[in-house]
Protein backbone atom coordinates (compact mmCIF):
# COMPACT_ATOMS: atom_id res chain seq x y z
CA MET A 1 0.22 -9.65 20.75
CA ALA A 2 2.00 -7.27 18.28
CA VAL A 3 0.17 -6.49 15.10
CA ARG A 4 2.36 -7.79 12.42
CA LEU A 5 2.61 -6.57 8.57
CA LEU A 6 4.03 -7.64 5.63
CA HIS A 7 4.24 -4.39 2.99
CA GLN A 8 4.08 -5.23 -0.68
CA THR A 9 4.96 -2.74 -3.01
CA ASP A 10 5.95 -1.40 -6.51
CA LEU A 11 8.98 0.72 -5.13
CA PHE A 12 11.25 1.10 -7.82
CA ARG A 13 14.17 3.68 -8.56
CA PRO A 14 13.85 5.66 -10.76
CA TYR A 15 10.06 5.54 -9.46
CA ILE A 16 7.13 5.18 -11.62
CA ASP A 17 4.86 6.93 -8.90
CA PRO A 18 6.90 8.07 -5.49
CA ASP A 19 3.45 7.49 -3.64
CA ASP A 20 5.07 4.40 -2.81
CA HIS A 21 7.92 5.96 -0.78
CA TRP A 22 5.43 8.00 1.24
CA ASP A 23 3.54 4.81 1.80
CA LEU A 24 6.97 3.11 2.95
CA ALA A 25 7.81 5.79 5.17
CA CYS A 26 4.15 5.71 6.71
CA VAL A 27 4.80 2.05 7.49
CA TYR A 28 8.04 2.58 9.07
CA ALA A 29 6.72 5.35 11.24
CA LEU A 30 3.99 2.88 12.67
CA ALA A 31 6.48 0.36 13.46
CA ALA A 32 9.27 2.97 14.80
CA SER A 33 6.40 4.14 17.08
CA GLY A 34 5.75 0.52 18.23
CA GLN A 35 2.37 0.49 16.80
CA LEU A 36 3.07 -2.59 14.51
CA GLU A 37 5.97 -4.72 13.76
CA LEU A 38 7.15 -4.64 10.36
CA GLY A 39 7.60 -8.34 9.20
CA GLY A 40 8.99 -7.57 5.77
CA VAL A 41 8.83 -5.67 2.30
CA LEU A 42 7.88 -7.25 -0.75
CA VAL A 43 8.82 -5.51 -3.86
CA ASP A 44 7.37 -6.20 -7.51
CA PHE A 45 9.58 -7.27 -10.22
CA PRO A 46 9.81 -4.17 -12.24
CA PRO A 47 6.98 -4.06 -15.15
CA ASP A 48 8.43 -4.46 -18.86
CA HIS A 49 6.48 -1.01 -20.03
CA TYR A 50 8.70 0.96 -17.64
CA PRO A 51 12.30 -0.11 -18.61
CA GLY A 52 15.23 0.62 -16.52
CA ARG A 53 13.47 0.36 -13.03
CA SER A 54 14.94 -1.86 -10.38
CA PRO A 55 13.49 -2.51 -7.02
CA ASP A 56 14.42 0.34 -4.73
CA VAL A 57 16.56 -1.47 -1.81
CA THR A 58 18.12 1.94 -0.94
CA GLY A 59 14.93 3.31 0.05
CA ILE A 60 14.26 0.31 2.25
CA ALA A 61 18.01 0.76 3.55
CA GLN A 62 17.55 4.52 4.37
CA LEU A 63 14.43 3.96 6.56
CA SER A 64 15.52 0.92 8.15
CA TYR A 65 18.88 2.95 9.02
CA LEU A 66 16.60 5.86 10.27
CA THR A 67 14.34 4.00 12.55
CA GLY A 68 16.85 1.29 13.57
CA LEU A 69 14.72 -1.43 12.42
CA PRO A 70 16.27 -3.83 10.22
CA THR A 71 13.85 -5.56 7.77
CA HIS A 72 13.96 -8.45 5.46
CA MET A 73 12.97 -7.94 2.07
CA ALA A 74 12.25 -9.89 -0.94
CA VAL A 75 11.83 -9.34 -4.80
CA GLY A 76 8.69 -10.69 -6.56
CA SER A 77 7.89 -12.85 -9.48
CA SER A 78 8.73 -11.65 -13.17
CA VAL A 79 6.20 -14.30 -14.19
CA PRO A 80 2.45 -13.26 -14.47
CA TYR A 81 0.03 -15.34 -12.26
CA THR A 82 -2.05 -17.65 -14.14
CA HIS A 83 -4.77 -20.36 -12.06
CA ASP A 84 -2.74 -23.22 -13.96
CA ARG A 85 -1.16 -25.19 -10.85
CA GLU A 86 1.00 -26.73 -12.95
CA SER A 87 2.59 -23.42 -14.18
CA LEU A 88 3.13 -22.30 -10.49
CA ASN A 89 5.03 -25.38 -9.49
CA ALA A 90 7.32 -25.09 -12.54
CA LEU A 91 8.19 -21.62 -11.43
CA PRO A 92 12.00 -21.02 -11.22
CA ARG A 93 13.42 -20.41 -7.59
CA ARG A 94 13.78 -16.98 -8.35
CA ASP A 95 10.18 -16.73 -9.22
CA ARG A 96 8.80 -18.35 -6.43
CA ALA A 97 10.94 -16.00 -3.93
CA GLY A 98 8.22 -13.74 -3.33
CA ALA A 99 5.42 -16.08 -2.65
CA GLU A 100 7.56 -18.09 -0.40
CA PHE A 101 8.33 -14.96 1.73
CA LEU A 102 4.96 -14.43 2.11
CA LEU A 103 4.31 -17.76 3.33
CA ASN A 104 7.37 -17.91 5.58
CA TYR A 105 6.30 -14.66 7.07
CA LEU A 106 2.78 -16.07 7.99
CA ARG A 107 4.30 -19.56 9.22
CA ASP A 108 6.43 -17.12 11.55
CA SER A 109 3.73 -15.02 12.91
CA GLU A 110 2.28 -15.75 16.49
CA GLY A 111 -0.10 -12.79 16.51
CA PRO A 112 -2.15 -10.92 13.93
CA ALA A 113 -0.44 -10.78 10.77
CA TYR A 114 -1.77 -8.52 8.01
CA ILE A 115 -0.82 -7.89 4.41
CA SER A 116 -0.85 -4.66 2.60
CA ILE A 117 -0.97 -4.88 -1.08
CA VAL A 118 -0.07 -1.48 -2.92
CA GLY A 119 1.03 -2.87 -5.92
CA SER A 120 0.77 -6.08 -8.00
CA CYS A 121 -1.16 -9.01 -6.43
CA ARG A 122 1.03 -11.54 -8.28
CA ASP A 123 3.15 -12.83 -5.46
CA LEU A 124 0.05 -12.84 -3.29
CA ALA A 125 -2.19 -14.86 -5.62
CA VAL A 126 0.76 -17.56 -6.33
CA ALA A 127 1.21 -17.77 -2.24
CA ALA A 128 -2.49 -18.37 -1.81
CA LYS A 129 -2.63 -21.00 -4.67
CA LEU A 130 0.13 -22.84 -2.92
CA ASP A 131 -1.23 -22.92 0.62
CA PRO A 132 -4.75 -21.43 1.15
CA ASP A 133 -5.00 -23.33 4.59
CA LEU A 134 -2.41 -21.08 5.99
CA PHE A 135 -4.46 -17.85 4.89
CA ARG A 136 -7.31 -19.41 6.48
CA ASN A 137 -5.66 -19.99 9.51
CA LYS A 138 -2.86 -17.30 10.25
CA CYS A 139 -3.77 -13.85 7.83
CA ALA A 140 -5.77 -11.59 10.16
CA GLY A 141 -6.47 -9.45 7.02
CA ILE A 142 -5.25 -8.41 3.70
CA TYR A 143 -5.59 -4.43 2.76
CA LEU A 144 -6.06 -4.36 -1.21
CA ASN A 145 -5.17 -1.28 -2.72
CA ALA A 146 -6.46 -1.69 -6.34
CA GLY A 147 -9.21 -1.34 -8.53
CA THR A 148 -12.19 0.73 -9.07
CA GLY A 149 -15.07 0.72 -6.53
CA HIS A 150 -18.41 2.18 -8.04
CA PRO A 151 -21.33 -0.32 -7.60
CA ASP A 152 -22.37 0.12 -11.04
CA VAL A 153 -19.74 -1.72 -13.54
CA ALA A 154 -21.13 0.74 -16.23
CA GLN A 155 -19.69 3.62 -14.19
CA GLN A 156 -16.32 2.17 -13.33
CA GLY A 157 -15.17 3.36 -16.58
CA GLY A 158 -11.78 1.36 -17.40
CA THR A 159 -9.17 -0.96 -15.38
CA GLU A 160 -7.15 0.59 -12.73
CA TYR A 161 -3.08 0.36 -12.92
CA ASN A 162 -2.42 -1.86 -10.27
CA VAL A 163 -5.18 -4.34 -11.83
CA VAL A 164 -3.85 -4.17 -14.97
CA LEU A 165 -0.44 -5.31 -13.74
CA ASN A 166 -1.73 -8.79 -13.30
CA ALA A 167 -5.67 -8.83 -13.58
CA ALA A 168 -5.85 -12.60 -13.19
CA ALA A 169 -3.92 -12.31 -9.67
CA TYR A 170 -6.45 -9.47 -8.57
CA ALA A 171 -9.18 -11.47 -9.21
CA ALA A 172 -7.91 -14.36 -7.33
CA THR A 173 -7.32 -12.24 -4.39
CA PHE A 174 -10.90 -12.13 -3.66
CA ASP A 175 -11.00 -15.82 -3.44
CA ILE A 176 -8.30 -16.02 -0.57
CA PRO A 177 -9.82 -17.44 2.53
CA CYS A 178 -8.98 -14.65 5.28
CA PRO A 179 -10.68 -11.10 5.70
CA ILE A 180 -10.11 -8.73 2.65
CA TYR A 181 -10.22 -5.08 3.26
CA TRP A 182 -10.79 -3.78 -0.22
CA MET A 183 -9.33 -0.22 -0.79
CA PRO A 184 -10.41 0.81 -4.53
CA CYS A 185 -8.00 3.45 -5.66
CA PHE A 186 -10.84 5.17 -7.40
CA GLU A 187 -14.45 4.98 -7.51
CA ASP A 188 -14.35 5.40 -11.35
CA LEU A 189 -11.78 6.24 -13.92
CA ARG A 190 -14.31 8.53 -16.26
CA SER A 191 -12.29 11.92 -15.23
CA ASP A 192 -8.64 13.19 -16.38
CA PHE A 193 -6.21 12.40 -13.44
CA SER A 194 -5.78 16.19 -12.99
CA GLU A 195 -9.24 16.59 -12.24
CA THR A 196 -9.82 13.60 -10.01
CA LYS A 197 -11.46 14.52 -6.81
CA VAL A 198 -12.58 12.58 -3.38
CA LYS A 199 -15.44 10.23 -4.13
CA ARG A 200 -17.06 7.86 -1.85
CA PHE A 201 -15.86 4.70 -3.06
CA GLY A 202 -12.29 5.29 -3.71
CA THR A 203 -9.21 6.18 -1.55
CA PHE A 204 -7.88 8.71 -3.71
CA TYR A 205 -6.47 12.13 -1.95
CA GLY A 206 -3.96 14.48 -2.82
CA PHE A 207 -1.73 17.54 -1.51
CA ASN A 208 1.06 20.01 -2.15
CA GLN A 209 4.45 18.60 -0.89
CA SER A 210 5.08 22.03 0.81
CA GLU A 211 2.22 21.27 3.05
CA VAL A 212 4.06 18.39 4.73
CA LEU A 213 7.84 18.43 3.83
CA PRO A 214 8.89 21.53 5.62
CA LYS A 215 7.11 19.89 8.88
CA LEU A 216 8.97 16.91 8.84
CA SER A 217 12.53 16.03 10.61
CA PRO A 218 15.58 17.03 8.47
CA VAL A 219 16.59 13.22 8.20
CA LEU A 220 13.27 12.39 6.79
CA GLN A 221 13.20 15.27 4.26
CA SER A 222 16.30 13.93 3.03
CA TYR A 223 14.95 10.81 2.59
CA PHE A 224 12.11 12.15 0.46
CA THR A 225 14.66 14.41 -1.52
CA TYR A 226 16.73 11.44 -2.49
CA SER A 227 13.74 9.61 -3.60
CA LEU A 228 11.42 12.18 -5.17
CA GLU A 229 14.64 13.62 -7.09
CA ALA A 230 15.21 9.95 -8.12
CA ARG A 231 18.77 10.08 -7.38
CA THR A 232 21.13 7.28 -7.85
CA ASP A 233 24.04 7.93 -5.90
CA ALA A 234 25.42 4.99 -4.31
CA ARG A 235 26.22 6.82 -1.20
CA TYR A 236 22.62 7.02 -0.22
CA LEU A 237 23.51 7.15 3.78
CA GLN A 238 25.18 10.53 3.04
CA PRO A 239 22.27 12.84 2.80
CA LEU A 240 21.12 11.30 6.03
CA LEU A 241 24.15 11.99 7.81
CA SER A 242 24.17 15.61 6.94
CA PRO A 243 20.47 16.60 5.84
CA SER A 244 21.16 20.36 6.27
CA SER A 245 22.84 20.41 3.23
CA ASP A 246 20.74 18.30 1.37
CA VAL A 247 17.97 20.83 0.34
CA SER A 248 14.96 19.67 -2.04
CA SER A 249 14.37 21.61 -5.10
CA SER A 250 11.70 24.02 -5.54
CA TYR A 251 10.09 21.39 -7.99
CA THR A 252 10.06 18.80 -5.12
CA ILE A 253 8.74 21.14 -2.56
CA GLN A 254 6.02 22.28 -4.49
CA ALA A 255 4.83 19.00 -6.46
CA TYR A 256 1.36 17.78 -6.14
CA ARG A 257 1.17 14.38 -4.62
CA PRO A 258 -1.48 11.71 -5.40
CA MET A 259 -1.97 9.15 -2.56
CA TRP A 260 -4.18 6.14 -1.98
CA CYS A 261 -3.15 3.83 0.58
CA THR A 262 -2.74 5.87 4.01
CA ALA A 263 -6.16 5.10 5.51
CA GLY A 264 -5.29 1.38 5.85
CA PHE A 265 -2.31 1.77 7.69
CA PHE A 266 -4.17 3.39 10.37
CA HIS A 267 -6.97 0.96 10.18
CA MET A 268 -4.87 -1.98 10.70
CA ALA A 269 -3.15 -0.29 13.58
CA SER A 270 -6.75 0.14 15.22
CA GLN A 271 -6.79 3.99 14.50
CA ALA A 272 -9.15 6.42 12.58
CA VAL A 273 -8.81 9.83 11.75
CA ASP A 274 -11.34 12.74 12.48
CA LYS A 275 -12.22 15.76 10.11
CA LEU A 276 -9.68 17.86 11.88
CA GLY A 277 -6.92 15.28 11.09
CA ASN A 278 -6.40 13.83 14.53
CA ILE A 279 -5.39 10.21 14.94
CA ILE A 280 -8.08 8.55 17.08
CA ALA A 281 -8.55 5.30 18.71
CA GLY A 282 -10.91 2.53 17.31
CA PRO A 283 -10.94 1.77 13.65
CA ASP A 284 -14.65 2.25 13.32
CA ALA A 285 -15.15 5.62 15.26
CA ASP A 286 -18.23 7.34 14.36
CA ASP A 287 -16.45 10.85 13.70
CA ALA A 288 -13.87 9.23 11.27
CA VAL A 289 -13.57 10.43 7.77
CA PHE A 290 -13.37 7.16 6.61
CA GLY A 291 -14.55 3.38 7.40
CA PHE A 292 -14.93 -0.04 5.75
CA ARG A 293 -18.50 -1.58 5.10
CA PRO A 294 -18.85 -5.47 4.73
CA VAL A 295 -19.81 -6.39 1.37
CA ASP A 296 -20.02 -9.33 -1.24
CA ILE A 297 -17.74 -8.98 -3.80
CA LYS A 298 -17.77 -10.77 -7.45
CA CYS A 299 -14.27 -10.14 -9.50
CA ASP A 300 -14.19 -11.65 -13.10
CA THR A 301 -10.93 -12.82 -14.64
CA ASN A 302 -10.43 -9.36 -16.39
CA GLY A 303 -10.39 -7.59 -12.93
CA VAL A 304 -13.77 -6.07 -13.24
CA THR A 305 -15.61 -5.99 -10.08
CA THR A 306 -19.32 -5.94 -8.62
CA TRP A 307 -20.47 -5.76 -5.08
CA THR A 308 -23.43 -5.42 -2.95
CA ASP A 309 -23.86 -4.90 0.59
CA ALA A 310 -23.57 -8.20 2.58
CA VAL A 311 -26.78 -9.41 4.29
CA SER A 312 -24.55 -10.92 7.14
CA GLY A 313 -20.95 -12.57 8.16
CA SER A 314 -19.11 -11.15 5.24
CA ASN A 315 -15.16 -11.10 5.73
CA ARG A 316 -15.23 -8.91 2.91
CA PHE A 317 -14.79 -5.14 3.44
CA LEU A 318 -15.20 -2.06 1.25
CA PHE A 319 -13.46 1.46 2.02
CA GLU A 320 -15.80 4.25 2.13
CA VAL A 321 -15.29 7.91 2.43
CA LYS A 322 -17.51 9.08 5.21
CA ASP A 323 -16.76 12.79 4.73
CA THR A 324 -15.76 13.79 1.36
CA ASP A 325 -15.32 17.53 2.25
CA ASN A 326 -12.81 16.91 4.92
CA TYR A 327 -11.19 13.48 3.92
CA ALA A 328 -8.08 14.94 1.84
CA SER A 329 -7.07 17.53 4.49
CA ALA A 330 -7.44 15.05 7.09
CA MET A 331 -5.46 12.27 5.87
CA THR A 332 -2.71 14.69 4.86
CA ALA A 333 -2.69 16.20 8.51
CA ALA A 334 -2.81 12.84 10.21
CA MET A 335 0.00 11.50 7.70
CA THR A 336 1.95 14.42 8.84
CA THR A 337 1.82 13.48 12.45
CA LEU A 338 2.45 9.72 11.62
CA LEU A 339 5.78 10.88 9.80
CA ALA A 340 6.85 12.93 12.97
CA ASN A 341 7.83 9.53 14.76
CA ILE A 342 10.99 9.42 12.33
CA ARG A 343 13.32 11.78 13.56
């Protein structure tokens, strides 16, 4: 049976970080090429500390049009997750919609059903609290893009952004009774962001958009131009219909793009990436630049994690860069190849 994916994202317009628009394009590219079935897109409720944002329904609509894949979507809860069951039961219907969206996705899935989390864990935590057995029986795995992965808490150096969005929800995610593929965004937060480098237990890599954008189809370039330049024109299909007249600014072309989540998309499609950037079969291939190792994880209510290698039988897996020298260039090349599926 086809692998199914529900993609949760903090995808906003104007964006907070447009890596989410790149991630969404990767998900649609996998679906367009028949490597997975996209079961829906769940968008976070905009955080208070970034006023003026709205869920980017236009970006979803653009990719749906380009791929011919109509997609269900929902907007997440405006209320932070707490462990109090009574508070969860008292949530208004609109603030339960994201959790119910997740639960209905799992109920409707006959084959392997995955969830990718690239923003807040809020709605996931609510859903799992409401029906943990459904996750135990139906969820093939959660790809959790959040946190810091250094094994020494003293070296983690702070709380990563996706965790801060709702630390209690992040902590609750590790208690969900299904496989968890933990993808820490960074190994540690001790360096300035501009100086961040590829490290063993963090998914971070980066590239200049000039390395990728010119290699994409004209229509996909227009999608990125519209998103990366944070346009709000209601005629959002027009750039896709006449891409030759929709040229990216020099800033958009030259901008540096930090990325985090790409490896998980390949892994859930049973693929990996070698050091030359070739997409290869087998998620645990020996020559892959990344992999996952079984671990035991503890997470306190503040979102601080500790982990050790698992002795046996763990269904918790930690992302690991196996080739720090080639990881960034390899992931950039593989993502470029993947995005060629949108023409």
